[in-house]
């Protein structure tokens, strides 16, 4: 049985772009935030949306939260 793949959210796309600009990986970001790689992946896919971690990610990557509110 094939797994269903969930699309990355707009927030996830912005995070990935910011990671590229800052020469960081998703693993690096997960370590900085203090969460697992898989939990970060769930956040980027929109499966989880813990405001505390979203705020940290925005601060670390210098993403304006108002631009990601979707």
C-alpha atoms as a PDB file:
ATOM      1  CA  UNK A   1       0.000   0.000   0.000  1.00  0.00           C
ATOM      2  CA  UNK A   2       1.388   3.402  -0.972  1.00  0.00           C
ATOM      3  CA  UNK A   3       1.922   6.067   1.652  1.00  0.00           C
ATOM      4  CA  UNK A   4       0.056   9.331   1.271  1.00  0.00           C
ATOM      5  CA  UNK A   5       2.475  12.206   0.950  1.00  0.00           C
ATOM      6  CA  UNK A   6       1.469  15.508   2.458  1.00  0.00           C
ATOM      7  CA  UNK A   7       2.457  18.715   0.717  1.00  0.00           C
ATOM      8  CA  UNK A   8       4.648  21.249   2.461  1.00  0.00           C
ATOM      9  CA  UNK A   9       2.746  24.295   3.704  1.00  0.00           C
ATOM     10  CA  UNK A  10       3.533  27.871   2.727  1.00  0.00           C
ATOM     11  CA  UNK A  11       5.262  28.198   6.098  1.00  0.00           C
ATOM     12  CA  UNK A  12       7.316  25.098   5.296  1.00  0.00           C
ATOM     13  CA  UNK A  13       8.333  26.544   1.942  1.00  0.00           C
ATOM     14  CA  UNK A  14       9.421  29.807   3.575  1.00  0.00           C
ATOM     15  CA  UNK A  15      11.406  27.924   6.211  1.00  0.00           C
ATOM     16  CA  UNK A  16      13.170  25.838   3.569  1.00  0.00           C
ATOM     17  CA  UNK A  17      14.062  28.982   1.595  1.00  0.00           C
ATOM     18  CA  UNK A  18      15.392  30.670   4.735  1.00  0.00           C
ATOM     19  CA  UNK A  19      17.430  27.559   5.572  1.00  0.00           C
ATOM     20  CA  UNK A  20      19.061  27.720   2.151  1.00  0.00           C
ATOM     21  CA  UNK A  21      19.849  31.414   2.588  1.00  0.00           C
ATOM     22  CA  UNK A  22      21.407  30.765   6.001  1.00  0.00           C
ATOM     23  CA  UNK A  23      23.220  27.625   4.838  1.00  0.00           C
ATOM     24  CA  UNK A  24      21.459  25.455   7.428  1.00  0.00           C
ATOM     25  CA  UNK A  25      19.779  22.068   7.176  1.00  0.00           C
ATOM     26  CA  UNK A  26      16.458  20.988   8.647  1.00  0.00           C
ATOM     27  CA  UNK A  27      18.485  18.841  11.037  1.00  0.00           C
ATOM     28  CA  UNK A  28      20.464  21.929  12.150  1.00  0.00           C
ATOM     29  CA  UNK A  29      17.230  23.822  12.770  1.00  0.00           C
ATOM     30  CA  UNK A  30      15.708  20.934  14.723  1.00  0.00           C
ATOM     31  CA  UNK A  31      18.795  20.827  16.966  1.00  0.00           C
ATOM     32  CA  UNK A  32      18.695  24.594  17.548  1.00  0.00           C
ATOM     33  CA  UNK A  33      14.977  24.538  18.396  1.00  0.00           C
ATOM     34  CA  UNK A  34      15.385  21.415  20.542  1.00  0.00           C
ATOM     35  CA  UNK A  35      12.996  19.130  18.675  1.00  0.00           C
ATOM     36  CA  UNK A  36      13.393  15.966  16.624  1.00  0.00           C
ATOM     37  CA  UNK A  37      13.831  16.005  12.872  1.00  0.00           C
ATOM     38  CA  UNK A  38      10.513  14.201  12.425  1.00  0.00           C
ATOM     39  CA  UNK A  39       8.662  16.712  14.627  1.00  0.00           C
ATOM     40  CA  UNK A  40      10.105  19.588  12.597  1.00  0.00           C
ATOM     41  CA  UNK A  41       9.001  17.813   9.425  1.00  0.00           C
ATOM     42  CA  UNK A  42       5.457  17.548  10.848  1.00  0.00           C
ATOM     43  CA  UNK A  43       5.487  21.291  11.578  1.00  0.00           C
ATOM     44  CA  UNK A  44       6.632  22.099   8.031  1.00  0.00           C
ATOM     45  CA  UNK A  45       3.912  19.862   6.589  1.00  0.00           C
ATOM     46  CA  UNK A  46       1.253  21.492   8.752  1.00  0.00           C
ATOM     47  CA  UNK A  47       0.539  18.332  10.739  1.00  0.00           C
ATOM     48  CA  UNK A  48       1.577  20.070  13.949  1.00  0.00           C
ATOM     49  CA  UNK A  49       1.483  23.790  14.703  1.00  0.00           C
ATOM     50  CA  UNK A  50       2.868  24.462  18.189  1.00  0.00           C
ATOM     51  CA  UNK A  51       3.042  28.246  18.493  1.00  0.00           C
ATOM     52  CA  UNK A  52       6.089  28.097  20.792  1.00  0.00           C
ATOM     53  CA  UNK A  53       8.170  26.307  18.168  1.00  0.00           C
ATOM     54  CA  UNK A  54       6.780  28.346  15.286  1.00  0.00           C
ATOM     55  CA  UNK A  55       7.839  31.501  17.152  1.00  0.00           C
ATOM     56  CA  UNK A  56      11.334  30.083  17.720  1.00  0.00           C
ATOM     57  CA  UNK A  57      11.697  29.069  14.075  1.00  0.00           C
ATOM     58  CA  UNK A  58      10.595  32.511  12.905  1.00  0.00           C
ATOM     59  CA  UNK A  59      13.036  34.194  15.261  1.00  0.00           C
ATOM     60  CA  UNK A  60      15.973  31.969  14.296  1.00  0.00           C
ATOM     61  CA  UNK A  61      15.364  32.295  10.560  1.00  0.00           C
ATOM     62  CA  UNK A  62      14.235  35.943  10.708  1.00  0.00           C
ATOM     63  CA  UNK A  63      10.860  35.186   9.139  1.00  0.00           C
ATOM     64  CA  UNK A  64       8.046  37.626   9.896  1.00  0.00           C
ATOM     65  CA  UNK A  65       5.193  35.747  11.541  1.00  0.00           C
ATOM     66  CA  UNK A  66       2.539  37.872   9.883  1.00  0.00           C
ATOM     67  CA  UNK A  67       3.783  36.608   6.518  1.00  0.00           C
ATOM     68  CA  UNK A  68       3.299  32.975   7.550  1.00  0.00           C
ATOM     69  CA  UNK A  69      -0.103  33.248   9.184  1.00  0.00           C
ATOM     70  CA  UNK A  70      -1.997  30.888   6.940  1.00  0.00           C
END
